[in-house]
């Protein structure tokens, strides 16, 4: 199976395999293992292993997506209300926070017709 075919979901977090961390996107090294905060419950989606210094974890400037890779051990994504997700070692992934379309905002011709899924 191609590494790009990897797809996983944990609540409102979508994980998909990619060929590599892009060089044409403005990314910065992440300083926290938290990839998404729950607005409703206060829980968060976070990386439990490996430690940040043993992996590559980058976030784009607006905080909406992450790129992650660990060569030596799996990356485990945890959340208090969802099962853990294990990303295999050597796999590069893009981690997105899912968004939802608001049809009523579209019909009212509001500027914001998409919003982050609330967890």
N, C-alpha and C. Protein backbone atom coordinates (compact mmCIF):
# COMPACT_ATOMS: atom_id res chain seq x y z
N UNK A 1 0.85 -1.19 0.00
CA UNK A 1 0.00 0.00 0.00
C UNK A 1 0.89 1.24 0.00
N UNK A 2 0.55 2.21 -0.82
CA UNK A 2 1.28 3.47 -0.88
C UNK A 2 1.10 4.24 0.42
N UNK A 3 2.15 4.94 0.83
CA UNK A 3 2.05 5.74 2.06
C UNK A 3 1.02 6.85 1.92
N UNK A 4 0.77 7.31 0.69
CA UNK A 4 -0.22 8.36 0.48
C UNK A 4 -1.63 7.85 0.73
N UNK A 5 -1.87 6.55 0.73
CA UNK A 5 -3.21 6.01 0.92
C UNK A 5 -3.66 5.99 2.38
N UNK A 6 -2.77 6.26 3.32
CA UNK A 6 -3.12 6.24 4.74
C UNK A 6 -4.14 7.33 5.03
N UNK A 7 -5.26 6.96 5.66
CA UNK A 7 -6.28 7.92 6.08
C UNK A 7 -6.83 7.47 7.42
N UNK A 8 -6.92 8.40 8.36
CA UNK A 8 -7.45 8.11 9.69
C UNK A 8 -8.25 9.32 10.16
N UNK A 9 -9.17 9.06 11.06
CA UNK A 9 -9.95 10.15 11.66
C UNK A 9 -10.01 9.93 13.16
N UNK A 10 -9.93 11.03 13.90
CA UNK A 10 -10.13 10.99 15.34
C UNK A 10 -11.01 12.20 15.68
N UNK A 11 -12.31 11.95 15.79
CA UNK A 11 -13.24 13.06 16.02
C UNK A 11 -13.18 14.03 14.86
N UNK A 12 -12.87 15.30 15.14
CA UNK A 12 -12.81 16.32 14.10
C UNK A 12 -11.42 16.48 13.49
N UNK A 13 -10.52 15.56 13.79
CA UNK A 13 -9.17 15.60 13.24
C UNK A 13 -9.04 14.55 12.15
N UNK A 14 -8.57 14.97 10.99
CA UNK A 14 -8.40 14.09 9.83
C UNK A 14 -6.91 13.96 9.55
N UNK A 15 -6.42 12.72 9.45
CA UNK A 15 -5.01 12.43 9.20
C UNK A 15 -4.90 11.73 7.86
N UNK A 16 -4.04 12.24 6.99
CA UNK A 16 -3.85 11.59 5.70
C UNK A 16 -2.37 11.53 5.35
N UNK A 17 -1.97 10.42 4.76
CA UNK A 17 -0.59 10.23 4.34
C UNK A 17 -0.23 11.11 3.17
N UNK A 18 0.99 11.64 3.19
CA UNK A 18 1.50 12.46 2.09
C UNK A 18 2.92 12.01 1.77
N UNK A 19 3.43 12.43 0.61
CA UNK A 19 4.77 12.03 0.20
C UNK A 19 5.86 12.65 1.06
N UNK A 20 5.64 13.85 1.55
CA UNK A 20 6.66 14.52 2.35
C UNK A 20 6.16 15.85 2.85
N UNK A 21 6.96 16.49 3.66
CA UNK A 21 6.62 17.81 4.19
C UNK A 21 6.92 18.83 3.08
N UNK A 22 5.93 19.62 2.69
CA UNK A 22 6.13 20.53 1.55
C UNK A 22 7.15 21.63 1.86
N UNK A 23 7.84 22.04 0.83
CA UNK A 23 8.82 23.11 1.00
C UNK A 23 8.26 24.45 0.54
N UNK A 24 7.11 24.44 -0.14
CA UNK A 24 6.53 25.68 -0.67
C UNK A 24 5.45 26.27 0.24
N UNK A 25 5.27 25.73 1.44
CA UNK A 25 4.29 26.22 2.39
C UNK A 25 5.04 26.82 3.57
N UNK A 26 4.56 27.95 4.09
CA UNK A 26 5.24 28.58 5.23
C UNK A 26 4.89 27.81 6.51
N UNK A 27 5.85 27.02 6.96
CA UNK A 27 5.67 26.21 8.15
C UNK A 27 6.63 26.64 9.23
N UNK A 28 6.26 26.39 10.48
CA UNK A 28 7.18 26.61 11.59
C UNK A 28 7.17 25.36 12.46
N UNK A 29 8.24 25.13 13.16
CA UNK A 29 8.36 23.98 14.05
C UNK A 29 7.35 24.14 15.19
N UNK A 30 6.56 23.13 15.44
CA UNK A 30 5.57 23.18 16.52
C UNK A 30 6.28 23.07 17.87
N UNK A 31 5.79 23.81 18.85
CA UNK A 31 6.39 23.79 20.18
C UNK A 31 5.50 23.10 21.20
N UNK A 32 4.36 22.60 20.76
CA UNK A 32 3.43 21.92 21.65
C UNK A 32 2.95 20.64 20.97
N UNK A 33 2.68 19.59 21.74
CA UNK A 33 2.15 18.36 21.14
C UNK A 33 0.66 18.43 20.83
N UNK A 34 -0.01 19.53 21.18
CA UNK A 34 -1.45 19.67 20.96
C UNK A 34 -1.71 20.09 19.52
N UNK A 35 -2.50 19.30 18.80
CA UNK A 35 -2.83 19.64 17.41
C UNK A 35 -4.22 20.24 17.28
N UNK A 36 -5.09 20.07 18.28
CA UNK A 36 -6.42 20.68 18.23
C UNK A 36 -7.00 20.75 19.64
N UNK A 37 -7.56 21.90 19.97
CA UNK A 37 -8.26 22.10 21.24
C UNK A 37 -9.75 21.88 21.03
N UNK A 38 -10.41 21.23 21.98
CA UNK A 38 -11.86 21.07 21.92
C UNK A 38 -12.54 22.31 22.46
N UNK A 39 -13.31 23.00 21.63
CA UNK A 39 -13.99 24.22 22.05
C UNK A 39 -15.15 23.93 22.99
N UNK A 40 -15.77 22.77 22.85
CA UNK A 40 -16.95 22.43 23.64
C UNK A 40 -16.56 21.73 24.94
N UNK A 41 -15.73 20.69 24.84
CA UNK A 41 -15.42 19.86 26.00
C UNK A 41 -14.18 20.30 26.76
N UNK A 42 -13.29 21.06 26.12
CA UNK A 42 -12.04 21.43 26.75
C UNK A 42 -10.95 20.38 26.59
N UNK A 43 -11.32 19.22 26.04
CA UNK A 43 -10.32 18.19 25.77
C UNK A 43 -9.51 18.58 24.55
N UNK A 44 -8.40 17.88 24.33
CA UNK A 44 -7.59 18.22 23.15
C UNK A 44 -7.07 16.96 22.47
N UNK A 45 -6.77 17.09 21.21
CA UNK A 45 -6.10 16.05 20.44
C UNK A 45 -4.61 16.37 20.56
N UNK A 46 -3.84 15.42 21.04
CA UNK A 46 -2.42 15.69 21.20
C UNK A 46 -1.58 14.45 20.94
N UNK A 47 -0.34 14.70 20.62
CA UNK A 47 0.60 13.62 20.37
C UNK A 47 1.17 13.15 21.69
N UNK A 48 1.00 11.86 21.97
CA UNK A 48 1.48 11.30 23.23
C UNK A 48 2.88 10.72 23.08
N UNK A 49 3.23 10.31 21.88
CA UNK A 49 4.55 9.74 21.66
C UNK A 49 4.85 9.84 20.19
N UNK A 50 6.03 10.03 19.79
CA UNK A 50 7.23 10.29 20.55
C UNK A 50 7.30 11.75 21.00
N UNK A 51 8.35 12.09 21.74
CA UNK A 51 8.50 13.47 22.18
C UNK A 51 8.81 14.36 20.98
N UNK A 52 8.54 15.64 21.12
CA UNK A 52 8.71 16.57 20.02
C UNK A 52 10.15 16.60 19.49
N UNK A 53 11.12 16.37 20.35
CA UNK A 53 12.51 16.42 19.89
C UNK A 53 12.91 15.18 19.11
N UNK A 54 12.06 14.15 19.08
CA UNK A 54 12.35 12.92 18.33
C UNK A 54 11.53 12.82 17.05
N UNK A 55 10.80 13.88 16.72
CA UNK A 55 9.96 13.83 15.52
C UNK A 55 9.97 15.18 14.82
N UNK A 56 9.45 15.18 13.62
CA UNK A 56 9.23 16.43 12.89
C UNK A 56 7.75 16.75 13.01
N UNK A 57 7.44 17.89 13.59
CA UNK A 57 6.06 18.36 13.69
C UNK A 57 6.06 19.83 13.33
N UNK A 58 5.41 20.14 12.22
CA UNK A 58 5.37 21.51 11.71
C UNK A 58 3.93 21.96 11.60
N UNK A 59 3.72 23.25 11.80
CA UNK A 59 2.39 23.84 11.72
C UNK A 59 2.44 25.00 10.72
N UNK A 60 1.37 25.17 9.94
CA UNK A 60 1.38 26.30 9.03
C UNK A 60 1.04 27.58 9.79
N UNK A 61 1.23 28.71 9.16
CA UNK A 61 1.13 30.00 9.85
C UNK A 61 -0.22 30.26 10.50
N UNK A 62 -1.31 29.80 9.89
CA UNK A 62 -2.63 30.08 10.47
C UNK A 62 -3.08 29.01 11.46
N UNK A 63 -2.25 27.99 11.70
CA UNK A 63 -2.56 26.97 12.69
C UNK A 63 -3.58 25.95 12.26
N UNK A 64 -3.93 25.93 10.98
CA UNK A 64 -5.01 25.05 10.55
C UNK A 64 -4.57 23.65 10.17
N UNK A 65 -3.28 23.44 9.91
CA UNK A 65 -2.85 22.08 9.61
C UNK A 65 -1.42 21.84 10.03
N UNK A 66 -1.13 20.58 10.23
CA UNK A 66 0.17 20.15 10.71
C UNK A 66 0.74 19.13 9.74
N UNK A 67 2.04 19.02 9.74
CA UNK A 67 2.74 17.93 9.06
C UNK A 67 3.58 17.24 10.11
N UNK A 68 3.55 15.92 10.14
CA UNK A 68 4.27 15.17 11.17
C UNK A 68 4.95 13.94 10.58
N UNK A 69 6.12 13.62 11.14
CA UNK A 69 6.83 12.40 10.76
C UNK A 69 7.76 12.02 11.90
N UNK A 70 7.82 10.73 12.18
CA UNK A 70 8.78 10.16 13.12
C UNK A 70 9.41 8.97 12.44
N UNK A 71 10.72 8.94 12.34
CA UNK A 71 11.41 7.86 11.64
C UNK A 71 11.53 6.60 12.49
N UNK A 72 11.68 6.73 13.80
CA UNK A 72 12.04 5.59 14.64
C UNK A 72 10.88 4.92 15.36
N UNK A 73 9.83 5.65 15.69
CA UNK A 73 8.70 5.06 16.42
C UNK A 73 7.37 5.65 15.94
N UNK A 74 6.28 4.92 16.14
CA UNK A 74 4.97 5.44 15.70
C UNK A 74 4.61 6.73 16.44
N UNK A 75 3.80 7.54 15.81
CA UNK A 75 3.23 8.73 16.45
C UNK A 75 1.85 8.32 16.95
N UNK A 76 1.59 8.56 18.21
CA UNK A 76 0.29 8.21 18.79
C UNK A 76 -0.46 9.49 19.09
N UNK A 77 -1.63 9.63 18.47
CA UNK A 77 -2.49 10.78 18.67
C UNK A 77 -3.60 10.37 19.64
N UNK A 78 -3.75 11.10 20.75
CA UNK A 78 -4.72 10.72 21.78
C UNK A 78 -5.73 11.85 22.02
N UNK A 79 -6.86 11.44 22.58
CA UNK A 79 -7.94 12.36 22.96
C UNK A 79 -8.74 11.66 24.06
N UNK A 80 -9.26 12.42 25.02
CA UNK A 80 -9.98 11.83 26.15
C UNK A 80 -11.25 11.09 25.75
N UNK A 81 -11.88 11.49 24.66
CA UNK A 81 -13.17 10.90 24.28
C UNK A 81 -13.13 10.04 23.03
N UNK A 82 -11.98 9.90 22.41
CA UNK A 82 -11.84 9.11 21.19
C UNK A 82 -10.74 8.08 21.38
N UNK A 83 -10.77 7.02 20.62
CA UNK A 83 -9.69 6.05 20.65
C UNK A 83 -8.40 6.65 20.11
N UNK A 84 -7.27 6.11 20.54
CA UNK A 84 -5.98 6.58 20.05
C UNK A 84 -5.80 6.21 18.58
N UNK A 85 -5.04 7.02 17.88
CA UNK A 85 -4.70 6.78 16.48
C UNK A 85 -3.19 6.61 16.43
N UNK A 86 -2.72 5.54 15.79
CA UNK A 86 -1.29 5.30 15.69
C UNK A 86 -0.84 5.47 14.24
N UNK A 87 0.08 6.41 14.05
CA UNK A 87 0.64 6.68 12.74
C UNK A 87 1.97 5.92 12.66
N UNK A 88 2.14 5.04 11.69
CA UNK A 88 3.35 4.22 11.63
C UNK A 88 4.63 5.04 11.50
N UNK A 89 5.71 4.53 12.09
CA UNK A 89 7.02 5.17 11.95
C UNK A 89 7.38 5.27 10.48
N UNK A 90 8.01 6.37 10.10
CA UNK A 90 8.42 6.58 8.72
C UNK A 90 7.35 7.17 7.82
N UNK A 91 6.13 7.27 8.32
CA UNK A 91 5.00 7.81 7.55
C UNK A 91 4.92 9.32 7.77
N UNK A 92 4.84 10.08 6.70
CA UNK A 92 4.60 11.52 6.80
C UNK A 92 3.11 11.75 6.64
N UNK A 93 2.53 12.55 7.52
CA UNK A 93 1.09 12.81 7.46
C UNK A 93 0.80 14.30 7.51
N UNK A 94 -0.35 14.64 6.94
CA UNK A 94 -0.92 15.97 7.07
C UNK A 94 -2.09 15.81 8.03
N UNK A 95 -2.16 16.66 9.05
CA UNK A 95 -3.21 16.59 10.05
C UNK A 95 -4.08 17.84 9.89
N UNK A 96 -5.33 17.63 9.52
CA UNK A 96 -6.28 18.72 9.28
C UNK A 96 -7.34 18.74 10.36
N UNK A 97 -7.83 19.91 10.67
CA UNK A 97 -9.01 20.04 11.51
C UNK A 97 -10.18 20.15 10.55
N UNK A 98 -11.13 19.24 10.66
CA UNK A 98 -12.23 19.21 9.70
C UNK A 98 -13.08 20.47 9.79
N UNK A 99 -13.63 20.84 8.64
CA UNK A 99 -14.47 22.02 8.54
C UNK A 99 -15.85 21.58 8.05
N UNK A 100 -16.85 22.40 8.35
CA UNK A 100 -18.18 22.09 7.87
C UNK A 100 -18.75 23.30 7.13
N UNK A 101 -19.58 23.01 6.16
CA UNK A 101 -20.21 24.04 5.35
C UNK A 101 -21.51 24.46 6.01
N UNK A 102 -21.74 25.76 6.12
CA UNK A 102 -22.95 26.31 6.71
C UNK A 102 -23.86 26.82 5.60
N UNK A 103 -24.85 26.01 5.23
CA UNK A 103 -25.75 26.37 4.12
C UNK A 103 -26.55 27.63 4.41
N UNK A 104 -26.96 27.83 5.66
CA UNK A 104 -27.75 29.02 5.98
C UNK A 104 -26.91 30.29 5.82
N UNK A 105 -25.63 30.24 6.15
CA UNK A 105 -24.76 31.39 5.95
C UNK A 105 -24.57 31.65 4.46
N UNK A 106 -24.50 30.58 3.68
CA UNK A 106 -24.36 30.72 2.23
C UNK A 106 -25.60 31.40 1.64
N UNK A 107 -26.78 30.94 2.05
CA UNK A 107 -28.02 31.51 1.54
C UNK A 107 -28.17 32.97 1.95
N UNK A 108 -27.66 33.33 3.13
CA UNK A 108 -27.74 34.71 3.60
C UNK A 108 -26.60 35.56 3.04
N UNK A 109 -25.77 34.95 2.20
CA UNK A 109 -24.62 35.60 1.57
C UNK A 109 -23.66 36.20 2.58
N UNK A 110 -23.47 35.50 3.69
CA UNK A 110 -22.49 35.91 4.68
C UNK A 110 -21.09 35.56 4.18
N UNK A 111 -20.09 36.25 4.71
CA UNK A 111 -18.71 35.99 4.27
C UNK A 111 -18.23 34.61 4.72
N UNK A 112 -18.52 34.22 5.93
CA UNK A 112 -18.05 32.93 6.47
C UNK A 112 -19.09 31.85 6.20
N UNK A 113 -18.82 30.99 5.24
CA UNK A 113 -19.73 29.88 4.97
C UNK A 113 -19.15 28.55 5.42
N UNK A 114 -17.91 28.57 5.90
CA UNK A 114 -17.27 27.39 6.45
C UNK A 114 -16.83 27.69 7.87
N UNK A 115 -16.82 26.65 8.70
CA UNK A 115 -16.31 26.82 10.06
C UNK A 115 -15.70 25.52 10.51
N UNK A 116 -14.82 25.62 11.49
CA UNK A 116 -14.22 24.42 12.05
C UNK A 116 -15.28 23.60 12.74
N UNK A 117 -15.16 22.29 12.64
CA UNK A 117 -16.06 21.41 13.37
C UNK A 117 -15.77 21.58 14.85
N UNK A 118 -16.82 21.73 15.66
CA UNK A 118 -16.64 21.93 17.10
C UNK A 118 -16.66 20.59 17.81
N UNK A 119 -15.64 20.35 18.59
CA UNK A 119 -15.47 19.08 19.31
C UNK A 119 -15.76 19.29 20.77
